[in-house]
Amino acid sequence: MASDQAILLVTGTALLFIGVASIGVSKNLMKSIMSFQVAVFGANLALFASGLGFGSRLVSDTFVALSVLVGASVESVGLAIVVVVYRKYHTLNPDEIRRLRG
């Protein structure tokens, strides 16, 4: 039977790859930001799980807390940028925004 640490590492890695893949596939800025957050949550889960097996869990928990804070601030700035882009171009499709800008 797999240990909890291995399950968390596999789940975190899967979330990271799913988030990165959906960033590349998405045709909507809002979905891209949500995909970025999925990737960040996966990285945080993998970072937390990697600290479970070692003696210094405090260090990994500190990195996870800092990563959550930075991720939240990045997401809020990204959402503010999306609102500004939507107000200016009335679309969230990156291809359409490039076409309208040029």
Protein backbone atom coordinates (compact mmCIF):
# COMPACT_ATOMS: atom_id res chain seq x y z
CA MET A 1 0.00 0.00 0.00
CA ALA A 2 1.26 3.47 -0.89
CA SER A 3 2.13 5.86 1.88
CA ASP A 4 0.33 9.14 2.42
CA GLN A 5 3.42 11.05 1.36
CA ALA A 6 3.60 9.23 -1.98
CA ILE A 7 -0.10 9.82 -2.65
CA LEU A 8 0.25 13.53 -1.90
CA LEU A 9 3.34 13.84 -4.10
CA VAL A 10 1.65 12.12 -7.04
CA THR A 11 -1.51 14.21 -6.61
CA GLY A 12 0.49 17.45 -6.35
CA THR A 13 2.53 16.59 -9.43
CA ALA A 14 -0.62 15.70 -11.37
CA LEU A 15 -2.27 19.00 -10.39
CA LEU A 16 0.86 20.89 -11.42
CA PHE A 17 0.96 19.30 -14.87
CA ILE A 18 -2.80 19.64 -15.39
CA GLY A 19 -2.63 23.33 -14.50
CA VAL A 20 0.31 24.00 -16.83
CA ALA A 21 -1.34 22.07 -19.68
CA SER A 22 -4.62 23.92 -19.32
CA ILE A 23 -2.82 27.29 -19.31
CA GLY A 24 -1.49 26.43 -22.77
CA VAL A 25 -4.84 25.18 -24.08
CA SER A 26 -7.14 27.85 -22.63
CA LYS A 27 -8.62 30.52 -24.89
CA ASN A 28 -9.91 32.65 -22.01
CA LEU A 29 -7.84 34.83 -19.67
CA MET A 30 -10.01 33.98 -16.66
CA LYS A 31 -9.59 30.26 -17.26
CA SER A 32 -5.83 30.80 -17.64
CA ILE A 33 -5.66 32.45 -14.22
CA MET A 34 -7.70 29.63 -12.68
CA SER A 35 -5.38 27.10 -14.33
CA PHE A 36 -2.40 28.97 -12.90
CA GLN A 37 -3.92 28.63 -9.43
CA VAL A 38 -4.40 24.87 -9.95
CA ALA A 39 -0.71 24.63 -10.85
CA VAL A 40 0.24 26.66 -7.76
CA PHE A 41 -1.93 24.46 -5.52
CA GLY A 42 -0.27 21.38 -7.00
CA ALA A 43 3.18 22.81 -6.33
CA ASN A 44 2.16 23.69 -2.77
CA LEU A 45 0.82 20.19 -2.17
CA ALA A 46 3.99 18.60 -3.53
CA LEU A 47 6.13 20.95 -1.43
CA PHE A 48 4.12 20.13 1.69
CA ALA A 49 4.28 16.40 0.98
CA SER A 50 8.03 16.51 0.46
CA GLY A 51 8.45 17.89 3.98
CA LEU A 52 6.44 15.10 5.63
CA GLY A 53 9.18 12.50 5.42
CA PHE A 54 12.03 14.62 6.74
CA GLY A 55 12.82 15.88 10.21
CA SER A 56 12.47 19.59 9.40
CA ARG A 57 8.79 19.96 8.65
CA LEU A 58 8.79 23.56 9.86
CA VAL A 59 10.84 24.68 6.86
CA SER A 60 8.51 23.09 4.31
CA ASP A 61 5.43 24.45 6.11
CA THR A 62 6.97 27.92 6.07
CA PHE A 63 7.66 27.67 2.33
CA VAL A 64 4.10 26.50 1.71
CA ALA A 65 2.66 29.42 3.72
CA LEU A 66 4.83 31.92 1.83
CA SER A 67 3.89 30.33 -1.47
CA VAL A 68 0.18 30.57 -0.64
CA LEU A 69 0.57 34.25 0.22
CA VAL A 70 2.50 35.02 -2.95
CA GLY A 71 0.04 32.98 -5.05
CA ALA A 72 -2.92 34.89 -3.62
CA SER A 73 -1.33 38.24 -4.36
CA VAL A 74 -0.40 37.16 -7.89
CA GLU A 75 -3.94 35.97 -8.50
CA SER A 76 -5.46 39.23 -7.28
CA VAL A 77 -3.17 41.27 -9.55
CA GLY A 78 -3.96 38.94 -12.46
CA LEU A 79 -7.69 39.28 -11.90
CA ALA A 80 -7.35 43.08 -11.75
CA ILE A 81 -5.50 43.00 -15.09
CA VAL A 82 -8.24 40.79 -16.57
CA VAL A 83 -10.90 43.30 -15.47
CA VAL A 84 -8.99 46.17 -17.09
CA VAL A 85 -8.47 44.20 -20.31
CA TYR A 86 -12.14 43.24 -20.44
CA ARG A 87 -13.25 46.84 -19.93
CA LYS A 88 -10.98 48.01 -22.74
CA TYR A 89 -11.46 45.24 -25.34
CA HIS A 90 -14.82 43.64 -24.26
CA THR A 91 -13.39 40.14 -24.69
CA LEU A 92 -11.20 37.70 -22.76
CA ASN A 93 -9.92 35.77 -25.79
CA PRO A 94 -6.14 36.39 -26.10
CA ASP A 95 -6.19 35.95 -29.88
CA GLU A 96 -8.96 38.50 -30.25
CA ILE A 97 -7.17 40.93 -27.95
CA ARG A 98 -4.00 40.64 -30.07
CA ARG A 99 -6.05 41.28 -33.21
CA LEU A 100 -7.80 44.33 -31.72
CA ARG A 101 -4.59 45.76 -30.33
CA GLY A 102 -2.69 45.77 -33.62
